PDB file of N, CA and C in Angstrom:
ATOM      1  N   UNK A   1     -25.721 133.747-160.344  1.00  0.00           N
ATOM      2  CA  UNK A   1     -25.710 134.880-159.557  1.00  0.00           C
ATOM      3  C   UNK A   1     -26.157 136.091-160.358  1.00  0.00           C
ATOM      4  N   UNK A   2     -27.092 136.844-159.862  1.00  0.00           N
ATOM      5  CA  UNK A   2     -27.851 138.057-160.630  1.00  0.00           C
ATOM      6  C   UNK A   2     -26.762 139.125-160.835  1.00  0.00           C
ATOM      7  N   UNK A   3     -26.876 139.660-161.918  1.00  0.00           N
ATOM      8  CA  UNK A   3     -25.987 140.889-162.324  1.00  0.00           C
ATOM      9  C   UNK A   3     -26.597 142.055-161.528  1.00  0.00           C
ATOM     10  N   UNK A   4     -25.683 142.767-160.912  1.00  0.00           N
ATOM     11  CA  UNK A   4     -25.922 144.099-160.373  1.00  0.00           C
ATOM     12  C   UNK A   4     -25.820 145.229-161.285  1.00  0.00           C
ATOM     13  N   UNK A   5     -26.834 145.941-161.444  1.00  0.00           N
ATOM     14  CA  UNK A   5     -26.740 147.103-162.315  1.00  0.00           C
ATOM     15  C   UNK A   5     -26.004 148.291-161.746  1.00  0.00           C
ATOM     16  N   UNK A   6     -25.349 148.945-162.548  1.00  0.00           N
ATOM     17  CA  UNK A   6     -24.548 150.109-161.978  1.00  0.00           C
ATOM     18  C   UNK A   6     -25.559 151.242-161.578  1.00  0.00           C
ATOM     19  N   UNK A   7     -24.997 152.047-160.717  1.00  0.00           N
ATOM     20  CA  UNK A   7     -25.705 153.181-160.175  1.00  0.00           C
ATOM     21  C   UNK A   7     -24.843 154.403-160.376  1.00  0.00           C
ATOM     22  N   UNK A   8     -25.400 155.574-160.217  1.00  0.00           N
ATOM     23  CA  UNK A   8     -24.607 156.850-160.341  1.00  0.00           C
ATOM     24  C   UNK A   8     -23.598 156.955-159.271  1.00  0.00           C
ATOM     25  N   UNK A   9     -22.174 156.923-159.725  1.00  0.00           N
ATOM     26  CA  UNK A   9     -21.176 156.959-158.784  1.00  0.00           C
ATOM     27  C   UNK A   9     -20.625 158.317-158.511  1.00  0.00           C
ATOM     28  N   UNK A  10     -20.831 159.164-159.525  1.00  0.00           N
ATOM     29  CA  UNK A  10     -20.265 160.594-159.187  1.00  0.00           C
ATOM     30  C   UNK A  10     -21.176 161.523-160.255  1.00  0.00           C
ATOM     31  N   UNK A  11     -21.237 162.716-159.812  1.00  0.00           N
ATOM     32  CA  UNK A  11     -21.849 163.775-160.764  1.00  0.00           C
ATOM     33  C   UNK A  11     -20.722 164.662-161.159  1.00  0.00           C
ATOM     34  N   UNK A  12     -20.599 164.922-162.440  1.00  0.00           N
ATOM     35  CA  UNK A  12     -19.638 165.726-163.027  1.00  0.00           C
ATOM     36  C   UNK A  12     -20.186 166.665-163.951  1.00  0.00           C
ATOM     37  N   UNK A  13     -19.566 167.843-164.333  1.00  0.00           N
ATOM     38  CA  UNK A  13     -19.917 168.696-165.256  1.00  0.00           C
ATOM     39  C   UNK A  13     -18.791 169.178-165.957  1.00  0.00           C
ATOM     40  N   UNK A  14     -18.835 169.387-167.286  1.00  0.00           N
ATOM     41  CA  UNK A  14     -17.630 169.727-168.121  1.00  0.00           C
ATOM     42  C   UNK A  14     -17.612 171.345-168.326  1.00  0.00           C
ATOM     43  N   UNK A  15     -16.386 171.726-168.109  1.00  0.00           N
ATOM     44  CA  UNK A  15     -16.221 173.214-168.174  1.00  0.00           C
ATOM     45  C   UNK A  15     -16.391 173.719-169.776  1.00  0.00           C
ATOM     46  N   UNK A  16     -17.146 174.658-169.868  1.00  0.00           N
ATOM     47  CA  UNK A  16     -17.455 175.304-171.171  1.00  0.00           C
ATOM     48  C   UNK A  16     -16.161 175.851-171.869  1.00  0.00           C
ATOM     49  N   UNK A  17     -15.147 176.248-171.104  1.00  0.00           N
ATOM     50  CA  UNK A  17     -13.958 176.811-171.618  1.00  0.00           C
ATOM     51  C   UNK A  17     -12.883 175.822-171.963  1.00  0.00           C
ATOM     52  N   UNK A  18     -12.509 174.960-170.921  1.00  0.00           N
ATOM     53  CA  UNK A  18     -11.410 174.122-171.168  1.00  0.00           C
ATOM     54  C   UNK A  18     -11.824 172.639-171.392  1.00  0.00           C
ATOM     55  N   UNK A  19     -13.059 172.355-171.228  1.00  0.00           N
ATOM     56  CA  UNK A  19     -13.625 171.036-171.506  1.00  0.00           C
ATOM     57  C   UNK A  19     -13.207 169.932-170.488  1.00  0.00           C
ATOM     58  N   UNK A  20     -12.679 170.391-169.350  1.00  0.00           N
ATOM     59  CA  UNK A  20     -12.248 169.451-168.241  1.00  0.00           C
ATOM     60  C   UNK A  20     -13.463 169.039-167.470  1.00  0.00           C
ATOM     61  N   UNK A  21     -13.505 167.827-166.952  1.00  0.00           N
ATOM     62  CA  UNK A  21     -14.522 167.412-166.100  1.00  0.00           C
ATOM     63  C   UNK A  21     -14.269 167.703-164.657  1.00  0.00           C
ATOM     64  N   UNK A  22     -15.270 168.312-163.964  1.00  0.00           N
ATOM     65  CA  UNK A  22     -15.206 168.711-162.516  1.00  0.00           C
ATOM     66  C   UNK A  22     -16.208 167.914-161.741  1.00  0.00           C
ATOM     67  N   UNK A  23     -15.839 167.255-160.667  1.00  0.00           N
ATOM     68  CA  UNK A  23     -16.781 166.664-159.740  1.00  0.00           C
ATOM     69  C   UNK A  23     -17.652 167.498-159.011  1.00  0.00           C
ATOM     70  N   UNK A  24     -18.955 167.301-159.003  1.00  0.00           N
ATOM     71  CA  UNK A  24     -19.982 168.127-158.229  1.00  0.00           C
ATOM     72  C   UNK A  24     -20.205 167.400-156.956  1.00  0.00           C
ATOM     73  N   UNK A  25     -20.053 168.045-155.860  1.00  0.00           N
ATOM     74  CA  UNK A  25     -20.168 167.372-154.415  1.00  0.00           C
ATOM     75  C   UNK A  25     -21.579 166.711-154.118  1.00  0.00           C
ATOM     76  N   UNK A  26     -22.601 167.201-154.593  1.00  0.00           N
ATOM     77  CA  UNK A  26     -23.876 166.638-154.410  1.00  0.00           C
ATOM     78  C   UNK A  26     -24.822 166.479-155.499  1.00  0.00           C
ATOM     79  N   UNK A  27     -25.765 165.647-155.431  1.00  0.00           N
ATOM     80  CA  UNK A  27     -26.771 165.577-156.551  1.00  0.00           C
ATOM     81  C   UNK A  27     -27.515 166.849-156.722  1.00  0.00           C
ATOM     82  N   UNK A  28     -27.945 167.391-155.568  1.00  0.00           N
ATOM     83  CA  UNK A  28     -28.661 168.631-155.484  1.00  0.00           C
ATOM     84  C   UNK A  28     -27.935 169.733-156.215  1.00  0.00           C
ATOM     85  N   UNK A  29     -26.640 169.867-156.092  1.00  0.00           N
ATOM     86  CA  UNK A  29     -25.955 170.972-156.727  1.00  0.00           C
ATOM     87  C   UNK A  29     -25.807 170.718-158.156  1.00  0.00           C
ATOM     88  N   UNK A  30     -25.620 169.380-158.466  1.00  0.00           N
ATOM     89  CA  UNK A  30     -25.655 168.914-160.007  1.00  0.00           C
ATOM     90  C   UNK A  30     -26.860 169.289-160.661  1.00  0.00           C
ATOM     91  N   UNK A  31     -28.038 169.235-159.993  1.00  0.00           N
ATOM     92  CA  UNK A  31     -29.232 169.327-160.622  1.00  0.00           C
ATOM     93  C   UNK A  31     -29.472 171.001-160.773  1.00  0.00           C
ATOM     94  N   UNK A  32     -28.888 171.720-159.774  1.00  0.00           N
ATOM     95  CA  UNK A  32     -29.118 173.218-159.871  1.00  0.00           C
ATOM     96  C   UNK A  32     -28.177 173.709-160.994  1.00  0.00           C
ATOM     97  N   UNK A  33     -26.969 173.161-161.191  1.00  0.00           N
ATOM     98  CA  UNK A  33     -26.133 173.403-162.362  1.00  0.00           C
ATOM     99  C   UNK A  33     -26.868 173.081-163.786  1.00  0.00           C
ATOM    100  N   UNK A  34     -27.240 171.811-163.809  1.00  0.00           N
ATOM    101  CA  UNK A  34     -27.924 171.296-164.963  1.00  0.00           C
ATOM    102  C   UNK A  34     -29.089 172.009-165.424  1.00  0.00           C
ATOM    103  N   UNK A  35     -29.834 172.607-164.330  1.00  0.00           N
ATOM    104  CA  UNK A  35     -31.119 173.190-164.781  1.00  0.00           C
ATOM    105  C   UNK A  35     -30.976 174.584-165.585  1.00  0.00           C
ATOM    106  N   UNK A  36     -29.803 175.163-165.363  1.00  0.00           N
ATOM    107  CA  UNK A  36     -29.477 176.423-165.961  1.00  0.00           C
ATOM    108  C   UNK A  36     -28.261 176.401-166.819  1.00  0.00           C
ATOM    109  N   UNK A  37     -27.748 175.278-167.272  1.00  0.00           N
ATOM    110  CA  UNK A  37     -26.559 175.276-167.931  1.00  0.00           C
ATOM    111  C   UNK A  37     -26.384 175.991-169.299  1.00  0.00           C
ATOM    112  N   UNK A  38     -27.543 176.062-169.951  1.00  0.00           N
ATOM    113  CA  UNK A  38     -27.405 176.936-171.203  1.00  0.00           C
ATOM    114  C   UNK A  38     -27.396 178.356-171.001  1.00  0.00           C
ATOM    115  N   UNK A  39     -28.188 178.859-170.029  1.00  0.00           N
ATOM    116  CA  UNK A  39     -28.091 180.335-169.749  1.00  0.00           C
ATOM    117  C   UNK A  39     -26.854 180.793-168.906  1.00  0.00           C
ATOM    118  N   UNK A  40     -26.346 179.816-167.949  1.00  0.00           N
ATOM    119  CA  UNK A  40     -25.254 180.084-167.262  1.00  0.00           C
ATOM    120  C   UNK A  40     -24.317 178.851-167.317  1.00  0.00           C
ATOM    121  N   UNK A  41     -23.446 179.052-168.402  1.00  0.00           N
ATOM    122  CA  UNK A  41     -22.529 177.922-168.720  1.00  0.00           C
ATOM    123  C   UNK A  41     -21.621 177.572-167.383  1.00  0.00           C
ATOM    124  N   UNK A  42     -21.133 176.423-167.304  1.00  0.00           N
ATOM    125  CA  UNK A  42     -20.357 176.062-166.225  1.00  0.00           C
ATOM    126  C   UNK A  42     -18.891 176.221-166.583  1.00  0.00           C
ATOM    127  N   UNK A  43     -18.130 176.752-165.693  1.00  0.00           N
ATOM    128  CA  UNK A  43     -16.749 177.105-165.818  1.00  0.00           C
ATOM    129  C   UNK A  43     -15.919 176.516-164.531  1.00  0.00           C
ATOM    130  N   UNK A  44     -14.685 175.997-164.775  1.00  0.00           N
ATOM    131  CA  UNK A  44     -13.825 175.596-163.674  1.00  0.00           C
ATOM    132  C   UNK A  44     -13.934 176.451-162.489  1.00  0.00           C
ATOM    133  N   UNK A  45     -14.062 177.901-162.589  1.00  0.00           N
ATOM    134  CA  UNK A  45     -14.089 178.775-161.685  1.00  0.00           C
ATOM    135  C   UNK A  45     -15.383 178.509-160.724  1.00  0.00           C
ATOM    136  N   UNK A  46     -16.434 178.024-161.369  1.00  0.00           N
ATOM    137  CA  UNK A  46     -17.713 177.759-160.503  1.00  0.00           C
ATOM    138  C   UNK A  46     -17.427 176.771-159.421  1.00  0.00           C
ATOM    139  N   UNK A  47     -16.375 175.876-159.543  1.00  0.00           N
ATOM    140  CA  UNK A  47     -16.130 174.954-158.428  1.00  0.00           C
ATOM    141  C   UNK A  47     -15.627 175.642-157.272  1.00  0.00           C
ATOM    142  N   UNK A  48     -15.095 176.885-157.359  1.00  0.00           N
ATOM    143  CA  UNK A  48     -14.537 177.526-156.229  1.00  0.00           C
ATOM    144  C   UNK A  48     -15.777 177.791-155.084  1.00  0.00           C
ATOM    145  N   UNK A  49     -16.862 177.582-155.490  1.00  0.00           N
ATOM    146  CA  UNK A  49     -17.999 177.699-154.462  1.00  0.00           C
ATOM    147  C   UNK A  49     -17.726 176.595-153.237  1.00  0.00           C
ATOM    148  N   UNK A  50     -17.191 175.535-153.680  1.00  0.00           N
ATOM    149  CA  UNK A  50     -16.909 174.342-152.636  1.00  0.00           C
ATOM    150  C   UNK A  50     -15.548 174.033-152.613  1.00  0.00           C
ATOM    151  N   UNK A  51     -14.668 174.466-153.617  1.00  0.00           N
ATOM    152  CA  UNK A  51     -13.326 174.070-153.631  1.00  0.00           C
ATOM    153  C   UNK A  51     -12.381 175.302-154.167  1.00  0.00           C
ATOM    154  N   UNK A  52     -11.979 176.048-153.111  1.00  0.00           N
ATOM    155  CA  UNK A  52     -11.277 177.391-153.528  1.00  0.00           C
ATOM    156  C   UNK A  52     -10.018 177.163-154.460  1.00  0.00           C
ATOM    157  N   UNK A  53      -9.800 178.162-155.303  1.00  0.00           N
ATOM    158  CA  UNK A  53      -8.616 178.227-156.187  1.00  0.00           C
ATOM    159  C   UNK A  53      -8.677 177.250-157.487  1.00  0.00           C
ATOM    160  N   UNK A  54      -9.747 176.688-157.647  1.00  0.00           N
ATOM    161  CA  UNK A  54      -9.854 175.718-158.912  1.00  0.00           C
ATOM    162  C   UNK A  54      -9.862 176.584-160.132  1.00  0.00           C
ATOM    163  N   UNK A  55      -9.112 176.268-161.166  1.00  0.00           N
ATOM    164  CA  UNK A  55      -9.214 176.987-162.305  1.00  0.00           C
ATOM    165  C   UNK A  55      -8.994 175.943-163.525  1.00  0.00           C
ATOM    166  N   UNK A  56      -9.066 176.471-164.810  1.00  0.00           N
ATOM    167  CA  UNK A  56      -8.731 175.608-166.008  1.00  0.00           C
ATOM    168  C   UNK A  56      -7.407 175.271-165.921  1.00  0.00           C
ATOM    169  N   UNK A  57      -6.491 175.734-165.222  1.00  0.00           N
ATOM    170  CA  UNK A  57      -5.057 175.408-165.248  1.00  0.00           C
ATOM    171  C   UNK A  57      -4.841 174.116-164.596  1.00  0.00           C
ATOM    172  N   UNK A  58      -5.776 173.740-163.698  1.00  0.00           N
ATOM    173  CA  UNK A  58      -5.736 172.542-162.801  1.00  0.00           C
ATOM    174  C   UNK A  58      -5.999 171.260-163.669  1.00  0.00           C
ATOM    175  N   UNK A  59      -5.499 170.206-163.197  1.00  0.00           N
ATOM    176  CA  UNK A  59      -5.859 168.855-163.979  1.00  0.00           C
ATOM    177  C   UNK A  59      -7.322 168.728-163.675  1.00  0.00           C
ATOM    178  N   UNK A  60      -7.905 167.858-164.665  1.00  0.00           N
ATOM    179  CA  UNK A  60      -9.399 167.634-164.471  1.00  0.00           C
ATOM    180  C   UNK A  60      -9.683 166.545-163.364  1.00  0.00           C
ATOM    181  N   UNK A  61     -10.755 166.689-162.741  1.00  0.00           N
ATOM    182  CA  UNK A  61     -10.943 165.918-161.490  1.00  0.00           C
ATOM    183  C   UNK A  61     -11.207 164.279-161.952  1.00  0.00           C
ATOM    184  N   UNK A  62     -11.654 164.056-163.079  1.00  0.00           N
ATOM    185  CA  UNK A  62     -11.990 162.701-163.571  1.00  0.00           C
ATOM    186  C   UNK A  62     -11.956 162.734-165.065  1.00  0.00           C
ATOM    187  N   UNK A  63     -11.579 161.639-165.717  1.00  0.00           N
ATOM    188  CA  UNK A  63     -11.499 161.460-167.092  1.00  0.00           C
ATOM    189  C   UNK A  63     -12.258 160.334-167.572  1.00  0.00           C
ATOM    190  N   UNK A  64     -12.809 160.497-168.823  1.00  0.00           N
ATOM    191  CA  UNK A  64     -13.588 159.414-169.399  1.00  0.00           C
ATOM    192  C   UNK A  64     -12.615 158.236-169.715  1.00  0.00           C
ATOM    193  N   UNK A  65     -12.965 157.056-169.092  1.00  0.00           N
ATOM    194  CA  UNK A  65     -12.197 155.904-169.455  1.00  0.00           C
ATOM    195  C   UNK A  65     -13.135 154.671-169.644  1.00  0.00           C
ATOM    196  N   UNK A  66     -12.565 153.563-169.852  1.00  0.00           N
ATOM    197  CA  UNK A  66     -13.424 152.430-170.103  1.00  0.00           C
ATOM    198  C   UNK A  66     -13.767 151.635-168.788  1.00  0.00           C
ATOM    199  N   UNK A  67     -13.214 152.192-167.599  1.00  0.00           N
ATOM    200  CA  UNK A  67     -13.539 151.606-166.208  1.00  0.00           C
ATOM    201  C   UNK A  67     -14.926 152.044-165.697  1.00  0.00           C
ATOM    202  N   UNK A  68     -15.490 153.108-166.348  1.00  0.00           N
ATOM    203  CA  UNK A  68     -16.860 153.534-165.894  1.00  0.00           C
ATOM    204  C   UNK A  68     -17.814 153.748-167.097  1.00  0.00           C
ATOM    205  N   UNK A  69     -19.019 153.725-166.750  1.00  0.00           N
ATOM    206  CA  UNK A  69     -20.146 153.780-167.692  1.00  0.00           C
ATOM    207  C   UNK A  69     -20.563 155.276-167.586  1.00  0.00           C
ATOM    208  N   UNK A  70     -20.323 156.079-168.616  1.00  0.00           N
ATOM    209  CA  UNK A  70     -20.710 157.388-168.764  1.00  0.00           C
ATOM    210  C   UNK A  70     -22.034 157.687-169.374  1.00  0.00           C
ATOM    211  N   UNK A  71     -22.902 158.478-168.681  1.00  0.00           N
ATOM    212  CA  UNK A  71     -24.064 158.847-169.306  1.00  0.00           C
ATOM    213  C   UNK A  71     -24.109 160.350-169.258  1.00  0.00           C
ATOM    214  N   UNK A  72     -24.525 160.980-170.376  1.00  0.00           N
ATOM    215  CA  UNK A  72     -24.513 162.421-170.631  1.00  0.00           C
ATOM    216  C   UNK A  72     -26.027 162.877-170.433  1.00  0.00           C
ATOM    217  N   UNK A  73     -26.441 163.646-169.510  1.00  0.00           N
ATOM    218  CA  UNK A  73     -27.675 164.100-169.165  1.00  0.00           C
ATOM    219  C   UNK A  73     -27.966 165.275-170.109  1.00  0.00           C
ATOM    220  N   UNK A  74     -29.280 165.404-170.350  1.00  0.00           N
ATOM    221  CA  UNK A  74     -29.876 166.515-171.118  1.00  0.00           C
ATOM    222  C   UNK A  74     -29.713 167.817-170.428  1.00  0.00           C
ATOM    223  N   UNK A  75     -29.423 168.947-171.062  1.00  0.00           N
ATOM    224  CA  UNK A  75     -29.258 170.273-170.423  1.00  0.00           C
ATOM    225  C   UNK A  75     -30.634 170.810-170.149  1.00  0.00           C
ATOM    226  N   UNK A  76     -30.620 171.640-169.096  1.00  0.00           N
ATOM    227  CA  UNK A  76     -31.798 172.404-168.708  1.00  0.00           C
ATOM    228  C   UNK A  76     -33.170 171.770-168.460  1.00  0.00           C
ATOM    229  N   UNK A  77     -32.962 170.562-167.763  1.00  0.00           N
ATOM    230  CA  UNK A  77     -34.080 169.857-167.118  1.00  0.00           C
ATOM    231  C   UNK A  77     -34.386 170.605-165.857  1.00  0.00           C
ATOM    232  N   UNK A  78     -35.524 170.870-165.718  1.00  0.00           N
ATOM    233  CA  UNK A  78     -36.096 171.456-164.399  1.00  0.00           C
ATOM    234  C   UNK A  78     -35.872 170.579-163.241  1.00  0.00           C
ATOM    235  N   UNK A  79     -35.534 171.102-162.095  1.00  0.00           N
ATOM    236  CA  UNK A  79     -35.317 170.312-160.931  1.00  0.00           C
ATOM    237  C   UNK A  79     -36.726 169.785-160.431  1.00  0.00           C
ATOM    238  N   UNK A  80     -36.720 168.616-159.919  1.00  0.00           N
ATOM    239  CA  UNK A  80     -38.061 168.117-159.379  1.00  0.00           C
ATOM    240  C   UNK A  80     -38.600 169.104-158.263  1.00  0.00           C
ATOM    241  N   UNK A  81     -39.899 169.140-157.978  1.00  0.00           N
ATOM    242  CA  UNK A  81     -40.358 170.067-156.880  1.00  0.00           C
ATOM    243  C   UNK A  81     -39.925 169.633-155.575  1.00  0.00           C
ATOM    244  N   UNK A  82     -39.993 170.390-154.654  1.00  0.00           N
ATOM    245  CA  UNK A  82     -39.581 170.163-153.287  1.00  0.00           C
ATOM    246  C   UNK A  82     -40.422 168.836-152.778  1.00  0.00           C
ATOM    247  N   UNK A  83     -39.659 168.029-152.141  1.00  0.00           N
ATOM    248  CA  UNK A  83     -40.307 166.705-151.783  1.00  0.00           C
ATOM    249  C   UNK A  83     -40.199 165.498-152.793  1.00  0.00           C
ATOM    250  N   UNK A  84     -39.763 165.873-153.945  1.00  0.00           N
ATOM    251  CA  UNK A  84     -39.655 164.922-155.031  1.00  0.00           C
ATOM    252  C   UNK A  84     -38.143 164.779-155.449  1.00  0.00           C
ATOM    253  N   UNK A  85     -37.957 163.591-156.064  1.00  0.00           N
ATOM    254  CA  UNK A  85     -36.480 163.299-156.257  1.00  0.00           C
ATOM    255  C   UNK A  85     -36.421 162.558-157.699  1.00  0.00           C
ATOM    256  N   UNK A  86     -35.566 162.874-158.526  1.00  0.00           N
ATOM    257  CA  UNK A  86     -35.287 162.287-159.808  1.00  0.00           C
ATOM    258  C   UNK A  86     -34.340 161.196-159.694  1.00  0.00           C
ATOM    259  N   UNK A  87     -34.817 159.940-160.151  1.00  0.00           N
ATOM    260  CA  UNK A  87     -33.916 158.753-159.942  1.00  0.00           C
ATOM    261  C   UNK A  87     -33.663 158.223-161.340  1.00  0.00           C
ATOM    262  N   UNK A  88     -32.355 157.760-161.500  1.00  0.00           N
ATOM    263  CA  UNK A  88     -31.966 157.179-162.703  1.00  0.00           C
ATOM    264  C   UNK A  88     -31.771 155.611-162.457  1.00  0.00           C
ATOM    265  N   UNK A  89     -32.508 154.799-163.388  1.00  0.00           N
ATOM    266  CA  UNK A  89     -32.264 153.357-163.267  1.00  0.00           C
ATOM    267  C   UNK A  89     -31.625 152.926-164.635  1.00  0.00           C
ATOM    268  N   UNK A  90     -30.333 152.548-164.508  1.00  0.00           N
ATOM    269  CA  UNK A  90     -29.708 152.103-165.755  1.00  0.00           C
ATOM    270  C   UNK A  90     -30.172 150.579-166.158  1.00  0.00           C
ATOM    271  N   UNK A  91     -30.438 150.506-167.355  1.00  0.00           N
ATOM    272  CA  UNK A  91     -30.995 149.202-167.813  1.00  0.00           C
ATOM    273  C   UNK A  91     -29.943 148.194-167.981  1.00  0.00           C
ATOM    274  N   UNK A  92     -30.216 146.892-168.064  1.00  0.00           N
ATOM    275  CA  UNK A  92     -29.278 145.895-168.344  1.00  0.00           C
ATOM    276  C   UNK A  92     -28.799 145.825-169.796  1.00  0.00           C
ATOM    277  N   UNK A  93     -27.754 145.020-169.938  1.00  0.00           N
ATOM    278  CA  UNK A  93     -27.196 144.884-171.221  1.00  0.00           C
ATOM    279  C   UNK A  93     -28.104 144.240-172.214  1.00  0.00           C
ATOM    280  N   UNK A  94     -28.264 144.679-173.381  1.00  0.00           N
ATOM    281  CA  UNK A  94     -29.233 144.052-174.385  1.00  0.00           C
ATOM    282  C   UNK A  94     -30.474 144.900-174.603  1.00  0.00           C
ATOM    283  N   UNK A  95     -30.649 145.843-173.702  1.00  0.00           N
ATOM    284  CA  UNK A  95     -31.900 146.566-173.761  1.00  0.00           C
ATOM    285  C   UNK A  95     -31.780 147.679-174.944  1.00  0.00           C
ATOM    286  N   UNK A  96     -32.935 147.969-175.319  1.00  0.00           N
ATOM    287  CA  UNK A  96     -32.991 148.979-176.463  1.00  0.00           C
ATOM    288  C   UNK A  96     -32.801 150.363-175.973  1.00  0.00           C
ATOM    289  N   UNK A  97     -33.088 150.615-174.711  1.00  0.00           N
ATOM    290  CA  UNK A  97     -32.773 151.996-174.032  1.00  0.00           C
ATOM    291  C   UNK A  97     -31.803 151.905-173.052  1.00  0.00           C
ATOM    292  N   UNK A  98     -31.053 153.031-172.833  1.00  0.00           N
ATOM    293  CA  UNK A  98     -29.914 153.077-171.776  1.00  0.00           C
ATOM    294  C   UNK A  98     -30.378 152.993-170.444  1.00  0.00           C
ATOM    295  N   UNK A  99     -31.425 153.816-170.087  1.00  0.00           N
ATOM    296  CA  UNK A  99     -31.904 154.020-168.705  1.00  0.00           C
ATOM    297  C   UNK A  99     -33.358 154.508-168.655  1.00  0.00           C
ATOM    298  N   UNK A 100     -33.957 154.365-167.498  1.00  0.00           N
ATOM    299  CA  UNK A 100     -35.295 154.843-167.188  1.00  0.00           C
ATOM    300  C   UNK A 100     -35.069 155.971-166.143  1.00  0.00           C
ATOM    301  N   UNK A 101     -35.810 157.082-166.374  1.00  0.00           N
ATOM    302  CA  UNK A 101     -35.857 158.176-165.366  1.00  0.00           C
ATOM    303  C   UNK A 101     -37.138 158.186-164.615  1.00  0.00           C
ATOM    304  N   UNK A 102     -37.077 158.255-163.302  1.00  0.00           N
ATOM    305  CA  UNK A 102     -38.347 158.384-162.494  1.00  0.00           C
ATOM    306  C   UNK A 102     -38.229 159.566-161.586  1.00  0.00           C
ATOM    307  N   UNK A 103     -39.420 160.114-161.396  1.00  0.00           N
ATOM    308  CA  UNK A 103     -39.492 161.317-160.439  1.00  0.00           C
ATOM    309  C   UNK A 103     -40.340 160.845-159.344  1.00  0.00           C
ATOM    310  N   UNK A 104     -39.945 160.667-158.217  1.00  0.00           N
ATOM    311  CA  UNK A 104     -40.765 159.987-157.130  1.00  0.00           C
ATOM    312  C   UNK A 104     -40.966 161.040-155.897  1.00  0.00           C
ATOM    313  N   UNK A 105     -41.952 160.811-155.260  1.00  0.00           N
ATOM    314  CA  UNK A 105     -42.288 161.684-154.017  1.00  0.00           C
ATOM    315  C   UNK A 105     -41.667 161.025-152.890  1.00  0.00           C
ATOM    316  N   UNK A 106     -40.899 161.689-152.093  1.00  0.00           N
ATOM    317  CA  UNK A 106     -40.317 161.174-150.910  1.00  0.00           C
ATOM    318  C   UNK A 106     -41.141 161.620-149.675  1.00  0.00           C
ATOM    319  N   UNK A 107     -41.512 160.680-148.857  1.00  0.00           N
ATOM    320  CA  UNK A 107     -42.179 161.004-147.665  1.00  0.00           C
ATOM    321  C   UNK A 107     -41.525 160.462-146.380  1.00  0.00           C
ATOM    322  N   UNK A 108     -41.793 161.039-145.345  1.00  0.00           N
ATOM    323  CA  UNK A 108     -41.198 160.506-144.071  1.00  0.00           C
ATOM    324  C   UNK A 108     -42.342 160.357-143.129  1.00  0.00           C
ATOM    325  N   UNK A 109     -42.438 159.228-142.524  1.00  0.00           N
ATOM    326  CA  UNK A 109     -43.456 158.932-141.487  1.00  0.00           C
ATOM    327  C   UNK A 109     -42.700 158.953-140.156  1.00  0.00           C
ATOM    328  N   UNK A 110     -43.304 159.768-139.298  1.00  0.00           N
ATOM    329  CA  UNK A 110     -42.672 159.723-137.911  1.00  0.00           C
ATOM    330  C   UNK A 110     -43.661 159.032-137.075  1.00  0.00           C
ATOM    331  N   UNK A 111     -42.912 158.186-136.159  1.00  0.00           N
ATOM    332  CA  UNK A 111     -43.755 157.407-135.244  1.00  0.00           C
ATOM    333  C   UNK A 111     -43.454 157.780-133.930  1.00  0.00           C
ATOM    334  N   UNK A 112     -44.209 158.030-132.918  1.00  0.00           N
ATOM    335  CA  UNK A 112     -44.036 158.402-131.615  1.00  0.00           C
ATOM    336  C   UNK A 112     -44.526 157.216-130.777  1.00  0.00           C
ATOM    337  N   UNK A 113     -43.484 156.693-130.009  1.00  0.00           N
ATOM    338  CA  UNK A 113     -43.799 155.598-129.070  1.00  0.00           C
ATOM    339  C   UNK A 113     -43.683 156.033-127.762  1.00  0.00           C
ATOM    340  N   UNK A 114     -44.581 155.723-126.950  1.00  0.00           N
ATOM    341  CA  UNK A 114     -44.623 155.945-125.405  1.00  0.00           C
ATOM    342  C   UNK A 114     -44.317 154.623-124.695  1.00  0.00           C
ATOM    343  N   UNK A 115     -43.453 154.682-123.785  1.00  0.00           N
ATOM    344  CA  UNK A 115     -42.952 153.403-123.130  1.00  0.00           C
ATOM    345  C   UNK A 115     -43.512 153.653-121.723  1.00  0.00           C
TER     346      UNK A 115
END
């Protein structure tokens, strides 16, 4: 049976003040935060944009454990241009590198059929 490689299950960012991990609702929002993380550090209060009343006093959304494979992204990576998407392909066990990152162009083909 072939081994299924893991995929990204959740996007998280660590608070610069309390160091708790906060779940980010979408990949797009995660990329917006990551793109400017050094100039605009992330704080628990930033989560209030999509979850009101979150603060450093609240328990973290997720914690590092052995049940998940954690990958820490580099800060300040520019977002792909419109129409492009950044994909992470995690390599299998025994590889000399953890993952490959691809930026691909997404295109949609519309087909009109007349009956």
